[in-house]
N, C-alpha and C. Protein backbone atom coordinates (compact mmCIF):
# COMPACT_ATOMS: atom_id res chain seq x y z
N MET A 1 1.01 -1.53 -0.13
CA MET A 1 -0.01 0.09 -0.12
C MET A 1 0.76 1.05 -0.38
N SER A 2 0.67 2.04 -1.01
CA SER A 2 1.76 3.19 -1.10
C SER A 2 0.74 4.46 -0.62
N SER A 3 0.26 4.77 -0.51
CA SER A 3 -1.00 5.57 0.19
C SER A 3 0.10 7.56 -0.24
N ASP A 4 0.47 7.04 -1.35
CA ASP A 4 0.45 8.16 -1.91
C ASP A 4 -0.38 8.62 -3.01
N PRO A 5 -0.26 10.31 -2.93
CA PRO A 5 -1.35 10.99 -3.79
C PRO A 5 -1.25 10.74 -4.56
N GLN A 6 -0.15 10.61 -5.00
CA GLN A 6 0.58 11.50 -6.18
C GLN A 6 0.42 10.16 -7.56
N GLU A 7 0.53 8.82 -6.66
CA GLU A 7 -0.17 7.57 -7.13
C GLU A 7 -1.29 6.78 -7.76
N GLY A 8 -2.17 8.38 -7.00
CA GLY A 8 -3.77 7.29 -6.63
C GLY A 8 -4.48 9.41 -7.91
N PHE A 9 -3.48 10.52 -8.18
CA PHE A 9 -3.71 10.67 -8.96
C PHE A 9 -3.37 10.43 -10.68
N ARG A 10 -2.63 9.50 -10.60
CA ARG A 10 -1.67 9.18 -12.03
C ARG A 10 -3.01 7.89 -12.46
N ALA A 11 -3.40 7.03 -11.08
CA ALA A 11 -4.33 5.78 -11.45
C ALA A 11 -5.55 6.67 -12.28
N LEU A 12 -6.18 7.64 -11.48
CA LEU A 12 -7.29 8.78 -11.79
C LEU A 12 -7.05 9.45 -13.21
N SER A 13 -6.17 9.60 -13.85
CA SER A 13 -6.03 10.57 -14.84
C SER A 13 -6.22 10.07 -15.99
N ASP A 14 -6.28 8.33 -15.40
CA ASP A 14 -6.76 8.06 -17.67
C ASP A 14 -8.62 7.72 -17.82
N PRO A 15 -9.43 8.04 -18.62
CA PRO A 15 -10.81 7.66 -17.90
C PRO A 15 -11.01 6.52 -18.32
N THR A 16 -10.47 5.56 -19.17
CA THR A 16 -9.99 3.68 -19.25
C THR A 16 -10.11 3.47 -17.83
N ARG A 17 -8.92 4.28 -16.76
CA ARG A 17 -9.12 3.31 -15.93
C ARG A 17 -9.96 3.89 -15.51
N ARG A 18 -10.24 4.77 -14.87
CA ARG A 18 -11.26 5.77 -14.11
C ARG A 18 -12.78 4.69 -14.44
N ALA A 19 -13.52 4.05 -15.24
CA ALA A 19 -14.38 3.62 -15.81
C ALA A 19 -13.69 1.47 -15.50
N ILE A 20 -13.04 0.95 -15.45
CA ILE A 20 -12.55 -0.05 -15.04
C ILE A 20 -13.15 0.14 -13.17
N LEU A 21 -12.55 1.31 -12.45
CA LEU A 21 -13.42 1.49 -11.56
C LEU A 21 -14.49 0.96 -11.30
N ILE A 22 -15.37 1.85 -11.73
CA ILE A 22 -17.29 2.03 -11.48
C ILE A 22 -17.32 0.19 -12.15
N HIS A 23 -16.99 -0.08 -12.99
CA HIS A 23 -17.10 -1.87 -13.12
C HIS A 23 -16.49 -2.38 -11.50
N LEU A 24 -15.70 -2.77 -11.15
CA LEU A 24 -15.09 -3.05 -9.85
C LEU A 24 -15.99 -2.28 -9.17
N SER A 25 -16.44 -1.69 -9.08
CA SER A 25 -17.27 -1.40 -8.00
C SER A 25 -18.51 -2.37 -7.72
N ARG A 26 -18.85 -2.63 -8.58
CA ARG A 26 -20.21 -3.10 -8.87
C ARG A 26 -20.02 -4.71 -8.38
N HIS A 27 -18.52 -5.46 -8.87
CA HIS A 27 -18.02 -6.84 -8.89
C HIS A 27 -17.00 -7.31 -8.67
N ASP A 28 -16.26 -8.23 -8.37
CA ASP A 28 -14.98 -8.22 -8.40
C ASP A 28 -14.75 -8.89 -9.97
N MET A 29 -13.48 -8.90 -10.80
CA MET A 29 -13.41 -8.72 -12.19
C MET A 29 -12.21 -10.41 -12.25
N SER A 30 -12.55 -10.78 -13.50
CA SER A 30 -10.81 -11.31 -13.73
C SER A 30 -10.25 -10.09 -15.20
N ILE A 31 -9.39 -10.51 -15.37
CA ILE A 31 -8.34 -9.58 -16.28
C ILE A 31 -9.39 -9.71 -17.92
N GLY A 32 -10.16 -11.33 -18.19
CA GLY A 32 -11.08 -11.08 -19.44
C GLY A 32 -11.96 -10.74 -19.23
N ASP A 33 -12.87 -10.54 -18.48
CA ASP A 33 -14.20 -9.79 -17.65
C ASP A 33 -13.89 -8.73 -18.33
N VAL A 34 -12.60 -7.64 -17.68
CA VAL A 34 -12.65 -6.68 -18.08
C VAL A 34 -12.37 -6.08 -19.14
N VAL A 35 -11.76 -7.25 -19.82
CA VAL A 35 -11.51 -6.88 -21.11
C VAL A 35 -12.88 -6.79 -22.40
N ALA A 36 -13.43 -7.68 -21.68
CA ALA A 36 -14.55 -7.83 -22.30
C ALA A 36 -15.28 -6.58 -22.80
N GLU A 37 -15.13 -5.81 -21.53
CA GLU A 37 -15.92 -4.20 -21.62
C GLU A 37 -15.55 -3.23 -22.09
N PHE A 38 -14.16 -3.62 -22.96
CA PHE A 38 -13.40 -2.26 -23.55
C PHE A 38 -13.17 -2.78 -25.14
N ASP A 39 -13.25 -2.05 -26.06
CA ASP A 39 -12.54 -2.07 -27.24
C ASP A 39 -10.94 -1.79 -27.15
N VAL A 40 -10.24 -2.57 -26.09
CA VAL A 40 -8.76 -1.86 -26.33
C VAL A 40 -8.20 -3.72 -26.22
N THR A 41 -6.93 -3.51 -26.42
CA THR A 41 -5.45 -5.05 -25.68
C THR A 41 -6.32 -5.63 -24.76
N ARG A 42 -5.58 -6.80 -24.78
CA ARG A 42 -5.59 -7.44 -23.47
C ARG A 42 -4.74 -6.97 -22.64
N GLY A 43 -3.69 -6.45 -23.39
CA GLY A 43 -2.00 -6.01 -22.91
C GLY A 43 -2.56 -4.27 -22.49
N ALA A 44 -3.09 -3.88 -23.27
CA ALA A 44 -3.22 -1.67 -22.46
C ALA A 44 -4.46 -2.88 -21.80
N ILE A 45 -5.48 -2.97 -21.09
CA ILE A 45 -5.77 -3.34 -20.68
C ILE A 45 -5.11 -3.59 -18.58
N LYS A 46 -4.39 -4.82 -18.87
CA LYS A 46 -3.38 -5.57 -18.36
C LYS A 46 -2.20 -4.25 -17.84
N LYS A 47 -2.18 -2.85 -18.71
CA LYS A 47 -1.32 -2.10 -18.19
C LYS A 47 -2.35 -1.38 -17.30
N HIS A 48 -3.17 -0.50 -17.62
CA HIS A 48 -4.21 -0.14 -17.03
C HIS A 48 -4.22 -0.81 -15.34
N LEU A 49 -4.92 -2.22 -14.94
CA LEU A 49 -5.01 -2.69 -14.48
C LEU A 49 -3.18 -2.73 -13.20
N LEU A 50 -3.16 -2.20 -13.66
CA LEU A 50 -0.89 -2.56 -12.37
C LEU A 50 -0.98 -1.05 -12.62
N ILE A 51 -1.41 0.03 -13.05
CA ILE A 51 -1.35 1.41 -12.30
C ILE A 51 -2.22 1.55 -11.82
N LEU A 52 -3.31 0.81 -11.03
CA LEU A 52 -4.45 1.01 -10.46
C LEU A 52 -4.22 0.42 -9.66
N GLU A 53 -3.74 -1.05 -9.72
CA GLU A 53 -3.27 -1.78 -8.30
C GLU A 53 -1.63 -1.12 -7.65
N GLN A 54 -0.52 -0.50 -8.84
CA GLN A 54 0.40 0.54 -7.96
C GLN A 54 -0.46 1.54 -7.16
N GLY A 55 -1.91 2.74 -7.95
CA GLY A 55 -2.17 3.83 -7.02
C GLY A 55 -3.12 3.20 -5.83
N ASP A 56 -3.13 1.83 -5.48
CA ASP A 56 -3.57 1.40 -4.29
C ASP A 56 -5.45 1.07 -4.50
N MET A 57 -5.81 1.68 -5.61
CA MET A 57 -6.99 1.56 -6.51
C MET A 57 -7.78 0.18 -6.33
N ILE A 58 -7.47 -0.95 -6.36
CA ILE A 58 -7.57 -2.41 -7.19
C ILE A 58 -6.41 -3.12 -6.03
N SER A 59 -6.69 -4.25 -5.57
CA SER A 59 -5.88 -5.09 -5.38
C SER A 59 -6.58 -6.88 -5.94
N VAL A 60 -5.54 -7.63 -5.98
CA VAL A 60 -5.34 -8.94 -7.34
C VAL A 60 -4.83 -9.86 -6.35
N ARG A 61 -6.10 -11.13 -6.07
CA ARG A 61 -5.67 -12.06 -5.99
C ARG A 61 -5.85 -12.82 -6.70
N THR A 62 -5.47 -14.34 -6.89
CA THR A 62 -4.93 -15.63 -7.97
C THR A 62 -6.12 -16.82 -7.01
N GLN A 63 -7.06 -17.06 -8.50
CA GLN A 63 -8.09 -17.96 -8.17
C GLN A 63 -7.54 -18.84 -9.63
N GLY A 64 -7.26 -20.07 -8.99
CA GLY A 64 -6.89 -21.11 -10.34
C GLY A 64 -5.50 -20.19 -11.14
N ARG A 65 -6.20 -20.32 -12.30
CA ARG A 65 -5.49 -19.61 -13.28
C ARG A 65 -5.50 -18.22 -13.96
N GLU A 66 -6.51 -17.66 -12.80
CA GLU A 66 -7.01 -16.11 -13.19
C GLU A 66 -7.07 -15.58 -12.06
N ARG A 67 -6.44 -14.53 -12.43
CA ARG A 67 -6.16 -13.25 -11.16
C ARG A 67 -7.49 -11.78 -11.68
N ILE A 68 -8.10 -12.08 -9.82
CA ILE A 68 -8.88 -11.47 -9.92
C ILE A 68 -8.81 -9.88 -9.12
N ASN A 69 -9.54 -8.99 -10.16
CA ASN A 69 -9.26 -7.52 -9.48
C ASN A 69 -9.86 -7.32 -8.77
N HIS A 70 -9.85 -5.87 -7.42
CA HIS A 70 -10.19 -5.88 -6.52
C HIS A 70 -10.62 -4.47 -6.03
N LEU A 71 -12.15 -4.08 -5.88
CA LEU A 71 -11.70 -2.36 -5.50
C LEU A 71 -11.59 -2.42 -4.42
N GLU A 72 -9.98 -1.73 -4.14
CA GLU A 72 -9.45 -1.03 -3.11
C GLU A 72 -10.13 0.60 -2.40
N LEU A 73 -10.16 0.48 -1.00
CA LEU A 73 -10.34 2.35 -1.01
C LEU A 73 -8.92 3.28 -1.14
N HIS A 74 -7.26 2.20 -0.63
CA HIS A 74 -6.95 2.73 0.22
C HIS A 74 -6.11 3.89 -0.54
N GLY A 75 -6.15 3.61 -2.10
CA GLY A 75 -5.90 5.14 -2.88
C GLY A 75 -6.47 5.86 -2.88
N MET A 76 -7.88 6.06 -3.38
CA MET A 76 -9.11 7.15 -2.81
C MET A 76 -8.88 7.32 -1.69
N LYS A 77 -8.67 6.92 -0.96
CA LYS A 77 -8.71 7.34 0.73
C LYS A 77 -7.30 8.99 0.28
N ALA A 78 -5.72 8.33 0.08
CA ALA A 78 -5.10 9.36 -0.08
C ALA A 78 -5.47 10.75 -1.04
N VAL A 79 -5.78 10.55 -1.96
CA VAL A 79 -6.22 11.22 -2.53
C VAL A 79 -7.63 12.58 -1.97
N ARG A 80 -8.71 11.55 -1.72
CA ARG A 80 -9.18 12.81 -0.32
C ARG A 80 -8.92 13.87 0.26
N ASP A 81 -7.98 12.76 0.91
CA ASP A 81 -7.19 13.39 1.96
C ASP A 81 -5.95 14.45 1.56
N TRP A 82 -5.54 14.72 0.37
CA TRP A 82 -5.11 15.45 0.14
C TRP A 82 -5.80 16.74 -0.78
N PHE A 83 -7.23 16.21 -1.27
CA PHE A 83 -8.25 17.42 -1.53
C PHE A 83 -8.75 17.94 0.23
N ALA A 84 -8.40 17.23 0.78
CA ALA A 84 -9.47 17.76 2.25
C ALA A 84 -8.98 18.96 2.79
N TYR A 85 -7.73 18.37 2.68
CA TYR A 85 -6.42 19.95 3.06
C TYR A 85 -6.97 20.62 2.52
N PHE A 86 -7.31 21.19 1.49
CA PHE A 86 -7.48 22.00 0.81
C PHE A 86 -9.39 23.04 1.14
N ASP A 87 -10.22 21.54 1.87
CA ASP A 87 -11.28 22.18 2.05
C ASP A 87 -11.01 23.83 3.07
N GLN A 88 -10.09 24.10 4.09
CA GLN A 88 -9.80 24.53 4.99
C GLN A 88 -10.23 26.21 3.98
N PHE A 89 -9.07 26.32 2.83
CA PHE A 89 -9.12 27.78 2.35
C PHE A 89 -10.57 27.39 1.86
N TRP A 90 -11.96 26.87 1.53
CA TRP A 90 -13.17 26.59 0.67
C TRP A 90 -14.01 27.44 2.28
N ASP A 91 -13.25 26.69 3.26
CA ASP A 91 -14.68 26.90 4.87
C ASP A 91 -14.24 28.27 4.78
N GLU A 92 -12.94 28.95 4.92
CA GLU A 92 -12.47 30.12 5.15
C GLU A 92 -13.37 30.98 4.40
N ARG A 93 -13.03 31.62 3.14
CA ARG A 93 -14.05 32.15 1.56
C ARG A 93 -14.92 31.80 1.96
N LEU A 94 -16.19 30.54 2.10
CA LEU A 94 -17.76 31.45 2.18
C LEU A 94 -17.66 31.35 3.87
N GLY A 95 -16.65 31.58 4.52
CA GLY A 95 -17.37 32.27 6.13
C GLY A 95 -17.35 33.31 6.02
N ALA A 96 -16.54 34.26 4.90
CA ALA A 96 -16.31 35.32 5.18
C ALA A 96 -17.27 36.14 4.28
N LEU A 97 -17.86 34.98 2.96
CA LEU A 97 -18.91 35.58 2.11
C LEU A 97 -20.40 35.32 2.50
N LYS A 98 -20.23 34.74 3.52
CA LYS A 98 -21.64 34.65 4.05
C LYS A 98 -21.53 35.82 5.18
N GLN A 99 -20.39 35.62 6.15
CA GLN A 99 -20.62 37.21 6.69
C GLN A 99 -20.51 38.50 6.02
N ALA A 100 -19.85 38.78 5.24
CA ALA A 100 -20.36 40.14 4.08
C ALA A 100 -21.99 39.95 3.39
N ILE A 101 -22.87 39.10 3.22
CA ILE A 101 -24.07 38.64 2.89
C ILE A 101 -24.82 39.15 4.29
N GLU A 102 -24.58 39.02 5.43
CA GLU A 102 -25.37 38.78 6.67
C GLU A 102 -25.07 40.46 7.01
N ASN A 103 -23.89 41.09 6.81
CA ASN A 103 -23.01 42.72 7.39
C ASN A 103 -24.51 43.38 6.39
N LYS A 104 -24.99 43.10 4.61
CA LYS A 104 -25.30 43.65 3.65
C LYS A 104 -27.12 43.74 4.51
N LYS A 105 -27.50 42.14 4.91
CA LYS A 105 -29.03 42.48 4.70
C LYS A 105 -28.63 43.61 6.01
N ASP A 106 -27.84 43.67 7.37
CA ASP A 106 -28.06 44.35 8.19
C ASP A 106 -27.71 45.80 8.29
N ASN A 107 -27.39 46.27 7.20
CA ASN A 107 -27.11 47.47 6.87
C ASN A 107 -28.38 48.73 5.75
N HIS A 108 -28.87 46.98 5.02
CA HIS A 108 -30.24 47.98 4.41
C HIS A 108 -31.68 47.71 5.52
């Protein structure tokens, strides 16, 4: 588990990878299952899955001869936490806007 938001951003930067995550949010899938959902090569899907795994967005387990991909939230949490840092700035600005509106109401 990397917990590095940079890897998470990399994983989320591609629309195909984001679509794969949507599919995996519904159920675990083998590589073949994922390939069947897209009009790209098996090799391309394997690369996307590797990047998702490196970003802690998915985990992979072996089941017989298949690799089963499972949605994980570790990488998404790292990205969410990175964005959460900036919430304080929005809170300050929205608080100032609220105060300005209330002051204008009081003055009229």
